[in-house]
Structure formats: structure tokens, C-alpha cells
């Protein structure tokens, strides 16, 4: 994998993970005001963004599995941190939406 391809994968991790977290924040806000169905729609968008982030991550993992060197940089660490935080945030957002759903009785 060339440096340009690696940078694209790293930036894909950051961008898509950030998008997923933003969708989750919007979902929580919608659930908070009782708009559960739209909140679930936002969660679907978050899951799609995380899927894109995982594809970027998989490109890097595949490279390493082939025996090709993957340079560990602060940017790569930052990207991986974004992904893991977004996954955790998604899981917590899902639980919050479920709680708001129970509270509102929908």
C-alpha cells in the first residue's frame, strides 16, 4: 500500500468515525424529545458510517496481514481512537434511545 492509499484509509477512519458519532448525538437529541423513529433512523446512518470506517480499517489490517509494513503514526493512533470511541458512543446511544423509548411508551 502506497503512502497515499494509507493516508486515505487513515482519513477514512477519522471522517467516517466522526460522522458516526455525530449521527449518534443527533439520535440522542431526537429521542430526548420523543422522536424515537427518527432517532432510530439516525442510528442506522451511524451504523452505515461505522461500516465505512471499518472498511478503511480493514484495508490497513489486510496490508499488515500480507506482511506489508504499516507505519504506526500519531495520525493512525488518532484515527483508531476515533473509531473505538465512536463504537462505544454508538452502543451507549442505542441504550439511551431504548430508555427514552421506554419512558415515552412508544
PDB file of N, CA and C in Angstrom:
ATOM      1  N   UNK A   1       0.859  -1.175   0.000  1.00  0.00           N
ATOM      2  CA  UNK A   1       0.000   0.000   0.000  1.00  0.00           C
ATOM      3  C   UNK A   1       0.901   1.231   0.000  1.00  0.00           C
ATOM      4  N   UNK A   2       0.644   2.093  -0.921  1.00  0.00           N
ATOM      5  CA  UNK A   2       1.424   3.316  -1.001  1.00  0.00           C
ATOM      6  C   UNK A   2       1.015   4.276   0.104  1.00  0.00           C
ATOM      7  N   UNK A   3       1.874   5.256   0.341  1.00  0.00           N
ATOM      8  CA  UNK A   3       1.611   6.240   1.389  1.00  0.00           C
ATOM      9  C   UNK A   3       0.274   6.955   1.160  1.00  0.00           C
ATOM     10  N   UNK A   4      -0.028   7.276  -0.095  1.00  0.00           N
ATOM     11  CA  UNK A   4      -1.287   7.964  -0.424  1.00  0.00           C
ATOM     12  C   UNK A   4      -2.492   7.097  -0.051  1.00  0.00           C
ATOM     13  N   UNK A   5      -2.415   5.810  -0.365  1.00  0.00           N
ATOM     14  CA  UNK A   5      -3.510   4.895  -0.031  1.00  0.00           C
ATOM     15  C   UNK A   5      -3.665   4.760   1.479  1.00  0.00           C
ATOM     16  N   UNK A   6      -2.538   4.701   2.164  1.00  0.00           N
ATOM     17  CA  UNK A   6      -2.594   4.599   3.623  1.00  0.00           C
ATOM     18  C   UNK A   6      -3.231   5.842   4.219  1.00  0.00           C
ATOM     19  N   UNK A   7      -2.854   7.010   3.718  1.00  0.00           N
ATOM     20  CA  UNK A   7      -3.443   8.254   4.222  1.00  0.00           C
ATOM     21  C   UNK A   7      -4.941   8.283   3.961  1.00  0.00           C
ATOM     22  N   UNK A   8      -5.369   7.771   2.816  1.00  0.00           N
ATOM     23  CA  UNK A   8      -6.795   7.719   2.519  1.00  0.00           C
ATOM     24  C   UNK A   8      -7.513   6.804   3.507  1.00  0.00           C
ATOM     25  N   UNK A   9      -6.908   5.678   3.836  1.00  0.00           N
ATOM     26  CA  UNK A   9      -7.511   4.768   4.814  1.00  0.00           C
ATOM     27  C   UNK A   9      -7.576   5.406   6.188  1.00  0.00           C
ATOM     28  N   UNK A  10      -6.493   6.068   6.590  1.00  0.00           N
ATOM     29  CA  UNK A  10      -6.451   6.723   7.902  1.00  0.00           C
ATOM     30  C   UNK A  10      -7.490   7.843   7.963  1.00  0.00           C
ATOM     31  N   UNK A  11      -7.551   8.652   6.920  1.00  0.00           N
ATOM     32  CA  UNK A  11      -8.527   9.741   6.915  1.00  0.00           C
ATOM     33  C   UNK A  11      -9.954   9.193   6.844  1.00  0.00           C
ATOM     34  N   UNK A  12     -10.144   8.073   6.153  1.00  0.00           N
ATOM     35  CA  UNK A  12     -11.456   7.430   6.128  1.00  0.00           C
ATOM     36  C   UNK A  12     -11.887   7.011   7.521  1.00  0.00           C
ATOM     37  N   UNK A  13     -10.953   6.480   8.289  1.00  0.00           N
ATOM     38  CA  UNK A  13     -11.256   6.125   9.680  1.00  0.00           C
ATOM     39  C   UNK A  13     -11.727   7.340  10.461  1.00  0.00           C
ATOM     40  N   UNK A  14     -11.001   8.429  10.328  1.00  0.00           N
ATOM     41  CA  UNK A  14     -11.327   9.637  11.095  1.00  0.00           C
ATOM     42  C   UNK A  14     -12.660  10.225  10.660  1.00  0.00           C
ATOM     43  N   UNK A  15     -12.831  10.408   9.365  1.00  0.00           N
ATOM     44  CA  UNK A  15     -14.043  11.058   8.850  1.00  0.00           C
ATOM     45  C   UNK A  15     -15.290  10.235   9.147  1.00  0.00           C
ATOM     46  N   UNK A  16     -15.247   8.959   8.799  1.00  0.00           N
ATOM     47  CA  UNK A  16     -16.449   8.134   8.978  1.00  0.00           C
ATOM     48  C   UNK A  16     -16.764   7.891  10.454  1.00  0.00           C
ATOM     49  N   UNK A  17     -15.727   7.761  11.268  1.00  0.00           N
ATOM     50  CA  UNK A  17     -15.962   7.612  12.709  1.00  0.00           C
ATOM     51  C   UNK A  17     -16.583   8.880  13.285  1.00  0.00           C
ATOM     52  N   UNK A  18     -16.085  10.023  12.853  1.00  0.00           N
ATOM     53  CA  UNK A  18     -16.653  11.297  13.310  1.00  0.00           C
ATOM     54  C   UNK A  18     -18.095  11.457  12.858  1.00  0.00           C
ATOM     55  N   UNK A  19     -18.383  11.053  11.632  1.00  0.00           N
ATOM     56  CA  UNK A  19     -19.762  11.117  11.135  1.00  0.00           C
ATOM     57  C   UNK A  19     -20.678  10.220  11.961  1.00  0.00           C
ATOM     58  N   UNK A  20     -20.184   9.038  12.300  1.00  0.00           N
ATOM     59  CA  UNK A  20     -20.992   8.110  13.102  1.00  0.00           C
ATOM     60  C   UNK A  20     -21.316   8.725  14.463  1.00  0.00           C
ATOM     61  N   UNK A  21     -20.326   9.308  15.097  1.00  0.00           N
ATOM     62  CA  UNK A  21     -20.558   9.915  16.408  1.00  0.00           C
ATOM     63  C   UNK A  21     -21.555  11.070  16.300  1.00  0.00           C
ATOM     64  N   UNK A  22     -21.446  11.863  15.247  1.00  0.00           N
ATOM     65  CA  UNK A  22     -22.388  12.978  15.057  1.00  0.00           C
ATOM     66  C   UNK A  22     -23.812  12.478  14.867  1.00  0.00           C
ATOM     67  N   UNK A  23     -23.970  11.419  14.085  1.00  0.00           N
ATOM     68  CA  UNK A  23     -25.309  10.836  13.889  1.00  0.00           C
ATOM     69  C   UNK A  23     -25.872  10.336  15.214  1.00  0.00           C
ATOM     70  N   UNK A  24     -25.023   9.748  16.030  1.00  0.00           N
ATOM     71  CA  UNK A  24     -25.469   9.265  17.346  1.00  0.00           C
ATOM     72  C   UNK A  24     -25.910  10.416  18.241  1.00  0.00           C
ATOM     73  N   UNK A  25     -25.156  11.512  18.216  1.00  0.00           N
ATOM     74  CA  UNK A  25     -25.535  12.682  19.018  1.00  0.00           C
ATOM     75  C   UNK A  25     -26.898  13.203  18.578  1.00  0.00           C
ATOM     76  N   UNK A  26     -27.110  13.270  17.272  1.00  0.00           N
ATOM     77  CA  UNK A  26     -28.403  13.719  16.764  1.00  0.00           C
ATOM     78  C   UNK A  26     -29.500  12.737  17.170  1.00  0.00           C
ATOM     79  N   UNK A  27     -29.194  11.455  17.135  1.00  0.00           N
ATOM     80  CA  UNK A  27     -30.181  10.437  17.514  1.00  0.00           C
ATOM     81  C   UNK A  27     -30.594  10.603  18.974  1.00  0.00           C
ATOM     82  N   UNK A  28     -29.647  10.838  19.839  1.00  0.00           N
ATOM     83  CA  UNK A  28     -29.968  11.032  21.258  1.00  0.00           C
ATOM     84  C   UNK A  28     -30.862  12.260  21.426  1.00  0.00           C
ATOM     85  N   UNK A  29     -30.526  13.335  20.736  1.00  0.00           N
ATOM     86  CA  UNK A  29     -31.344  14.551  20.807  1.00  0.00           C
ATOM     87  C   UNK A  29     -32.764  14.313  20.339  1.00  0.00           C
ATOM     88  N   UNK A  30     -32.922  13.558  19.272  1.00  0.00           N
ATOM     89  CA  UNK A  30     -34.264  13.248  18.767  1.00  0.00           C
ATOM     90  C   UNK A  30     -35.034  12.371  19.752  1.00  0.00           C
ATOM     91  N   UNK A  31     -34.358  11.390  20.316  1.00  0.00           N
ATOM     92  CA  UNK A  31     -35.019  10.517  21.295  1.00  0.00           C
ATOM     93  C   UNK A  31     -35.432  11.308  22.531  1.00  0.00           C
ATOM     94  N   UNK A  32     -34.612  12.244  22.905  1.00  0.00           N
ATOM     95  CA  UNK A  32     -34.880  13.056  24.094  1.00  0.00           C
ATOM     96  C   UNK A  32     -36.192  13.834  23.963  1.00  0.00           C
ATOM     97  N   UNK A  33     -36.509  14.254  22.736  1.00  0.00           N
ATOM     98  CA  UNK A  33     -37.764  14.993  22.534  1.00  0.00           C
ATOM     99  C   UNK A  33     -38.905  14.065  22.097  1.00  0.00           C
ATOM    100  N   UNK A  34     -38.650  12.757  22.179  1.00  0.00           N
ATOM    101  CA  UNK A  34     -39.709  11.791  21.904  1.00  0.00           C
ATOM    102  C   UNK A  34     -39.813  11.338  20.459  1.00  0.00           C
ATOM    103  N   UNK A  35     -38.907  11.740  19.615  1.00  0.00           N
ATOM    104  CA  UNK A  35     -38.943  11.358  18.203  1.00  0.00           C
ATOM    105  C   UNK A  35     -38.101  10.097  18.011  1.00  0.00           C
ATOM    106  N   UNK A  36     -38.636   8.980  18.492  1.00  0.00           N
ATOM    107  CA  UNK A  36     -37.902   7.717  18.542  1.00  0.00           C
ATOM    108  C   UNK A  36     -37.620   7.169  17.139  1.00  0.00           C
ATOM    109  N   UNK A  37     -38.587   7.233  16.257  1.00  0.00           N
ATOM    110  CA  UNK A  37     -38.390   6.662  14.915  1.00  0.00           C
ATOM    111  C   UNK A  37     -37.277   7.384  14.157  1.00  0.00           C
ATOM    112  N   UNK A  38     -37.249   8.706  14.228  1.00  0.00           N
ATOM    113  CA  UNK A  38     -36.167   9.445  13.568  1.00  0.00           C
ATOM    114  C   UNK A  38     -34.825   9.168  14.244  1.00  0.00           C
ATOM    115  N   UNK A  39     -34.859   8.978  15.564  1.00  0.00           N
ATOM    116  CA  UNK A  39     -33.636   8.634  16.288  1.00  0.00           C
ATOM    117  C   UNK A  39     -33.095   7.298  15.782  1.00  0.00           C
ATOM    118  N   UNK A  40     -33.977   6.349  15.576  1.00  0.00           N
ATOM    119  CA  UNK A  40     -33.546   5.042  15.053  1.00  0.00           C
ATOM    120  C   UNK A  40     -33.003   5.181  13.639  1.00  0.00           C
ATOM    121  N   UNK A  41     -33.583   6.077  12.863  1.00  0.00           N
ATOM    122  CA  UNK A  41     -33.068   6.334  11.519  1.00  0.00           C
ATOM    123  C   UNK A  41     -31.651   6.899  11.566  1.00  0.00           C
ATOM    124  N   UNK A  42     -31.413   7.794  12.513  1.00  0.00           N
ATOM    125  CA  UNK A  42     -30.070   8.354  12.684  1.00  0.00           C
ATOM    126  C   UNK A  42     -29.081   7.266  13.112  1.00  0.00           C
ATOM    127  N   UNK A  43     -29.551   6.341  13.937  1.00  0.00           N
ATOM    128  CA  UNK A  43     -28.683   5.248  14.354  1.00  0.00           C
ATOM    129  C   UNK A  43     -28.324   4.356  13.169  1.00  0.00           C
ATOM    130  N   UNK A  44     -29.245   4.195  12.249  1.00  0.00           N
ATOM    131  CA  UNK A  44     -28.938   3.427  11.042  1.00  0.00           C
ATOM    132  C   UNK A  44     -27.836   4.133  10.242  1.00  0.00           C
ATOM    133  N   UNK A  45     -27.939   5.456  10.133  1.00  0.00           N
ATOM    134  CA  UNK A  45     -26.892   6.215   9.446  1.00  0.00           C
ATOM    135  C   UNK A  45     -25.552   6.088  10.171  1.00  0.00           C
ATOM    136  N   UNK A  46     -25.598   6.082  11.492  1.00  0.00           N
ATOM    137  CA  UNK A  46     -24.374   5.904  12.278  1.00  0.00           C
ATOM    138  C   UNK A  46     -23.753   4.542  11.997  1.00  0.00           C
ATOM    139  N   UNK A  47     -24.586   3.518  11.924  1.00  0.00           N
ATOM    140  CA  UNK A  47     -24.076   2.180  11.632  1.00  0.00           C
ATOM    141  C   UNK A  47     -23.465   2.105  10.235  1.00  0.00           C
ATOM    142  N   UNK A  48     -24.066   2.790   9.292  1.00  0.00           N
ATOM    143  CA  UNK A  48     -23.508   2.814   7.937  1.00  0.00           C
ATOM    144  C   UNK A  48     -22.156   3.521   7.924  1.00  0.00           C
ATOM    145  N   UNK A  49     -22.047   4.620   8.650  1.00  0.00           N
ATOM    146  CA  UNK A  49     -20.776   5.341   8.730  1.00  0.00           C
ATOM    147  C   UNK A  49     -19.712   4.473   9.400  1.00  0.00           C
ATOM    148  N   UNK A  50     -20.103   3.743  10.443  1.00  0.00           N
ATOM    149  CA  UNK A  50     -19.148   2.848  11.092  1.00  0.00           C
ATOM    150  C   UNK A  50     -18.729   1.727  10.154  1.00  0.00           C
ATOM    151  N   UNK A  51     -19.635   1.277   9.304  1.00  0.00           N
ATOM    152  CA  UNK A  51     -19.279   0.273   8.301  1.00  0.00           C
ATOM    153  C   UNK A  51     -18.209   0.793   7.365  1.00  0.00           C
ATOM    154  N   UNK A  52     -18.354   2.047   6.948  1.00  0.00           N
ATOM    155  CA  UNK A  52     -17.335   2.671   6.094  1.00  0.00           C
ATOM    156  C   UNK A  52     -16.005   2.787   6.835  1.00  0.00           C
ATOM    157  N   UNK A  53     -16.065   3.162   8.098  1.00  0.00           N
ATOM    158  CA  UNK A  53     -14.841   3.270   8.897  1.00  0.00           C
ATOM    159  C   UNK A  53     -14.167   1.907   9.018  1.00  0.00           C
ATOM    160  N   UNK A  54     -14.962   0.880   9.228  1.00  0.00           N
ATOM    161  CA  UNK A  54     -14.405  -0.471   9.331  1.00  0.00           C
ATOM    162  C   UNK A  54     -13.745  -0.904   8.023  1.00  0.00           C
ATOM    163  N   UNK A  55     -14.309  -0.503   6.895  1.00  0.00           N
ATOM    164  CA  UNK A  55     -13.688  -0.829   5.609  1.00  0.00           C
ATOM    165  C   UNK A  55     -12.308  -0.174   5.492  1.00  0.00           C
ATOM    166  N   UNK A  56     -12.211   1.049   5.982  1.00  0.00           N
ATOM    167  CA  UNK A  56     -10.907   1.718   5.975  1.00  0.00           C
ATOM    168  C   UNK A  56      -9.920   0.990   6.886  1.00  0.00           C
ATOM    169  N   UNK A  57     -10.399   0.591   8.042  1.00  0.00           N
ATOM    170  CA  UNK A  57      -9.552  -0.132   8.983  1.00  0.00           C
ATOM    171  C   UNK A  57      -9.129  -1.479   8.393  1.00  0.00           C
ATOM    172  N   UNK A  58     -10.056  -2.154   7.749  1.00  0.00           N
ATOM    173  CA  UNK A  58      -9.766  -3.463   7.159  1.00  0.00           C
ATOM    174  C   UNK A  58      -8.683  -3.370   6.094  1.00  0.00           C
ATOM    175  N   UNK A  59      -8.676  -2.277   5.343  1.00  0.00           N
ATOM    176  CA  UNK A  59      -7.630  -2.088   4.333  1.00  0.00           C
ATOM    177  C   UNK A  59      -6.254  -2.079   5.000  1.00  0.00           C
ATOM    178  N   UNK A  60      -6.149  -1.430   6.133  1.00  0.00           N
ATOM    179  CA  UNK A  60      -4.874  -1.380   6.851  1.00  0.00           C
ATOM    180  C   UNK A  60      -4.525  -2.739   7.458  1.00  0.00           C
ATOM    181  N   UNK A  61      -5.511  -3.410   8.020  1.00  0.00           N
ATOM    182  CA  UNK A  61      -5.274  -4.727   8.618  1.00  0.00           C
ATOM    183  C   UNK A  61      -4.878  -5.749   7.561  1.00  0.00           C
ATOM    184  N   UNK A  62      -5.505  -5.664   6.404  1.00  0.00           N
ATOM    185  CA  UNK A  62      -5.177  -6.577   5.309  1.00  0.00           C
ATOM    186  C   UNK A  62      -3.745  -6.375   4.857  1.00  0.00           C
ATOM    187  N   UNK A  63      -3.338  -5.130   4.764  1.00  0.00           N
ATOM    188  CA  UNK A  63      -1.966  -4.822   4.375  1.00  0.00           C
ATOM    189  C   UNK A  63      -0.987  -5.482   5.340  1.00  0.00           C
ATOM    190  N   UNK A  64      -1.244  -5.329   6.615  1.00  0.00           N
ATOM    191  CA  UNK A  64      -0.342  -5.902   7.606  1.00  0.00           C
ATOM    192  C   UNK A  64      -0.382  -7.428   7.571  1.00  0.00           C
ATOM    193  N   UNK A  65      -1.553  -8.005   7.363  1.00  0.00           N
ATOM    194  CA  UNK A  65      -1.676  -9.461   7.286  1.00  0.00           C
ATOM    195  C   UNK A  65      -0.895 -10.031   6.102  1.00  0.00           C
ATOM    196  N   UNK A  66      -0.736  -9.239   5.060  1.00  0.00           N
ATOM    197  CA  UNK A  66       0.052  -9.659   3.896  1.00  0.00           C
ATOM    198  C   UNK A  66       1.554  -9.560   4.146  1.00  0.00           C
ATOM    199  N   UNK A  67       1.916  -9.051   5.301  1.00  0.00           N
ATOM    200  CA  UNK A  67       3.324  -8.901   5.613  1.00  0.00           C
ATOM    201  C   UNK A  67       3.899  -7.562   5.193  1.00  0.00           C
ATOM    202  N   UNK A  68       3.038  -6.667   4.714  1.00  0.00           N
ATOM    203  CA  UNK A  68       3.495  -5.337   4.332  1.00  0.00           C
ATOM    204  C   UNK A  68       3.525  -4.454   5.579  1.00  0.00           C
ATOM    205  N   UNK A  69       4.520  -3.628   5.655  1.00  0.00           N
ATOM    206  CA  UNK A  69       4.670  -2.767   6.829  1.00  0.00           C
ATOM    207  C   UNK A  69       3.595  -1.677   6.851  1.00  0.00           C
ATOM    208  N   UNK A  70       2.983  -1.512   7.998  1.00  0.00           N
ATOM    209  CA  UNK A  70       2.049  -0.413   8.229  1.00  0.00           C
ATOM    210  C   UNK A  70       2.733   0.523   9.216  1.00  0.00           C
ATOM    211  N   UNK A  71       3.013   1.723   8.758  1.00  0.00           N
ATOM    212  CA  UNK A  71       3.689   2.688   9.618  1.00  0.00           C
ATOM    213  C   UNK A  71       2.720   3.172  10.694  1.00  0.00           C
ATOM    214  N   UNK A  72       3.115   2.980  11.933  1.00  0.00           N
ATOM    215  CA  UNK A  72       2.297   3.451  13.045  1.00  0.00           C
ATOM    216  C   UNK A  72       2.681   4.905  13.308  1.00  0.00           C
ATOM    217  N   UNK A  73       1.722   5.784  13.093  1.00  0.00           N
ATOM    218  CA  UNK A  73       1.953   7.215  13.288  1.00  0.00           C
ATOM    219  C   UNK A  73       0.945   7.744  14.299  1.00  0.00           C
ATOM    220  N   UNK A  74       1.171   8.957  14.750  1.00  0.00           N
ATOM    221  CA  UNK A  74       0.196   9.582  15.648  1.00  0.00           C
ATOM    222  C   UNK A  74      -1.152   9.722  14.964  1.00  0.00           C
ATOM    223  N   UNK A  75      -1.137   9.962  13.662  1.00  0.00           N
ATOM    224  CA  UNK A  75      -2.387  10.094  12.921  1.00  0.00           C
ATOM    225  C   UNK A  75      -3.150   8.768  12.896  1.00  0.00           C
ATOM    226  N   UNK A  76      -2.451   7.665  12.703  1.00  0.00           N
ATOM    227  CA  UNK A  76      -3.097   6.353  12.718  1.00  0.00           C
ATOM    228  C   UNK A  76      -3.654   6.045  14.102  1.00  0.00           C
ATOM    229  N   UNK A  77      -2.883   6.363  15.135  1.00  0.00           N
ATOM    230  CA  UNK A  77      -3.365   6.148  16.509  1.00  0.00           C
ATOM    231  C   UNK A  77      -4.601   6.998  16.767  1.00  0.00           C
ATOM    232  N   UNK A  78      -4.570   8.233  16.313  1.00  0.00           N
ATOM    233  CA  UNK A  78      -5.712   9.139  16.459  1.00  0.00           C
ATOM    234  C   UNK A  78      -6.935   8.579  15.729  1.00  0.00           C
ATOM    235  N   UNK A  79      -6.720   8.064  14.537  1.00  0.00           N
ATOM    236  CA  UNK A  79      -7.818   7.502  13.745  1.00  0.00           C
ATOM    237  C   UNK A  79      -8.434   6.295  14.446  1.00  0.00           C
ATOM    238  N   UNK A  80      -7.586   5.414  14.949  1.00  0.00           N
ATOM    239  CA  UNK A  80      -8.081   4.225  15.643  1.00  0.00           C
ATOM    240  C   UNK A  80      -8.834   4.618  16.910  1.00  0.00           C
ATOM    241  N   UNK A  81      -8.341   5.634  17.589  1.00  0.00           N
ATOM    242  CA  UNK A  81      -9.003   6.142  18.791  1.00  0.00           C
ATOM    243  C   UNK A  81     -10.399   6.666  18.449  1.00  0.00           C
ATOM    244  N   UNK A  82     -10.498   7.387  17.333  1.00  0.00           N
ATOM    245  CA  UNK A  82     -11.804   7.880  16.876  1.00  0.00           C
ATOM    246  C   UNK A  82     -12.772   6.728  16.649  1.00  0.00           C
ATOM    247  N   UNK A  83     -12.295   5.688  15.984  1.00  0.00           N
ATOM    248  CA  UNK A  83     -13.159   4.545  15.690  1.00  0.00           C
ATOM    249  C   UNK A  83     -13.654   3.888  16.975  1.00  0.00           C
ATOM    250  N   UNK A  84     -12.751   3.609  17.878  1.00  0.00           N
ATOM    251  CA  UNK A  84     -13.149   2.932  19.114  1.00  0.00           C
ATOM    252  C   UNK A  84     -14.104   3.793  19.945  1.00  0.00           C
ATOM    253  N   UNK A  85     -13.862   5.097  20.002  1.00  0.00           N
ATOM    254  CA  UNK A  85     -14.767   5.978  20.733  1.00  0.00           C
ATOM    255  C   UNK A  85     -16.144   6.025  20.071  1.00  0.00           C
ATOM    256  N   UNK A  86     -16.162   6.032  18.762  1.00  0.00           N
ATOM    257  CA  UNK A  86     -17.440   6.073  18.051  1.00  0.00           C
ATOM    258  C   UNK A  86     -18.243   4.801  18.271  1.00  0.00           C
ATOM    259  N   UNK A  87     -17.563   3.663  18.291  1.00  0.00           N
ATOM    260  CA  UNK A  87     -18.258   2.397  18.548  1.00  0.00           C
ATOM    261  C   UNK A  87     -18.856   2.409  19.949  1.00  0.00           C
ATOM    262  N   UNK A  88     -18.073   2.840  20.926  1.00  0.00           N
ATOM    263  CA  UNK A  88     -18.582   2.921  22.302  1.00  0.00           C
ATOM    264  C   UNK A  88     -19.740   3.903  22.389  1.00  0.00           C
ATOM    265  N   UNK A  89     -19.591   5.047  21.741  1.00  0.00           N
ATOM    266  CA  UNK A  89     -20.635   6.067  21.753  1.00  0.00           C
ATOM    267  C   UNK A  89     -21.913   5.528  21.113  1.00  0.00           C
ATOM    268  N   UNK A  90     -21.766   4.793  20.010  1.00  0.00           N
ATOM    269  CA  UNK A  90     -22.921   4.199  19.341  1.00  0.00           C
ATOM    270  C   UNK A  90     -23.662   3.247  20.282  1.00  0.00           C
ATOM    271  N   UNK A  91     -22.904   2.416  20.984  1.00  0.00           N
ATOM    272  CA  UNK A  91     -23.522   1.460  21.900  1.00  0.00           C
ATOM    273  C   UNK A  91     -24.273   2.171  23.023  1.00  0.00           C
ATOM    274  N   UNK A  92     -23.675   3.212  23.569  1.00  0.00           N
ATOM    275  CA  UNK A  92     -24.350   3.969  24.630  1.00  0.00           C
ATOM    276  C   UNK A  92     -25.563   4.730  24.096  1.00  0.00           C
ATOM    277  N   UNK A  93     -25.449   5.285  22.901  1.00  0.00           N
ATOM    278  CA  UNK A  93     -26.585   5.992  22.296  1.00  0.00           C
ATOM    279  C   UNK A  93     -27.752   5.043  22.096  1.00  0.00           C
ATOM    280  N   UNK A  94     -27.455   3.822  21.648  1.00  0.00           N
ATOM    281  CA  UNK A  94     -28.511   2.828  21.448  1.00  0.00           C
ATOM    282  C   UNK A  94     -29.242   2.550  22.758  1.00  0.00           C
ATOM    283  N   UNK A  95     -28.493   2.431  23.837  1.00  0.00           N
ATOM    284  CA  UNK A  95     -29.106   2.194  25.144  1.00  0.00           C
ATOM    285  C   UNK A  95     -29.950   3.395  25.582  1.00  0.00           C
ATOM    286  N   UNK A  96     -29.454   4.594  25.342  1.00  0.00           N
ATOM    287  CA  UNK A  96     -30.208   5.792  25.723  1.00  0.00           C
ATOM    288  C   UNK A  96     -31.513   5.879  24.934  1.00  0.00           C
ATOM    289  N   UNK A  97     -31.452   5.577  23.668  1.00  0.00           N
ATOM    290  CA  UNK A  97     -32.671   5.607  22.843  1.00  0.00           C
ATOM    291  C   UNK A  97     -33.668   4.586  23.359  1.00  0.00           C
ATOM    292  N   UNK A  98     -33.159   3.411  23.701  1.00  0.00           N
ATOM    293  CA  UNK A  98     -34.045   2.375  24.263  1.00  0.00           C
ATOM    294  C   UNK A  98     -34.705   2.876  25.552  1.00  0.00           C
ATOM    295  N   UNK A  99     -33.951   3.548  26.388  1.00  0.00           N
ATOM    296  CA  UNK A  99     -34.523   4.085  27.637  1.00  0.00           C
ATOM    297  C   UNK A  99     -35.570   5.161  27.360  1.00  0.00           C
ATOM    298  N   UNK A 100     -35.263   6.087  26.446  1.00  0.00           N
ATOM    299  CA  UNK A 100     -36.233   7.118  26.091  1.00  0.00           C
ATOM    300  C   UNK A 100     -37.490   6.477  25.498  1.00  0.00           C
ATOM    301  N   UNK A 101     -37.313   5.435  24.742  1.00  0.00           N
ATOM    302  CA  UNK A 101     -38.452   4.729  24.157  1.00  0.00           C
ATOM    303  C   UNK A 101     -39.340   4.138  25.253  1.00  0.00           C
ATOM    304  N   UNK A 102     -38.722   3.571  26.244  1.00  0.00           N
ATOM    305  CA  UNK A 102     -39.500   3.010  27.368  1.00  0.00           C
ATOM    306  C   UNK A 102     -40.216   4.127  28.142  1.00  0.00           C
ATOM    307  N   UNK A 103     -39.519   5.236  28.334  1.00  0.00           N
ATOM    308  CA  UNK A 103     -40.104   6.355  29.082  1.00  0.00           C
ATOM    309  C   UNK A 103     -41.325   6.928  28.360  1.00  0.00           C
ATOM    310  N   UNK A 104     -41.194   7.081  27.041  1.00  0.00           N
ATOM    311  CA  UNK A 104     -42.292   7.680  26.266  1.00  0.00           C
ATOM    312  C   UNK A 104     -43.379   6.671  25.931  1.00  0.00           C
ATOM    313  N   UNK A 105     -43.064   5.373  26.109  1.00  0.00           N
ATOM    314  CA  UNK A 105     -44.077   4.345  25.855  1.00  0.00           C
ATOM    315  C   UNK A 105     -44.293   4.024  24.391  1.00  0.00           C
ATOM    316  N   UNK A 106     -43.366   4.417  23.548  1.00  0.00           N
ATOM    317  CA  UNK A 106     -43.523   4.115  22.105  1.00  0.00           C
ATOM    318  C   UNK A 106     -43.033   2.726  21.786  1.00  0.00           C
TER     319      UNK A 106
END
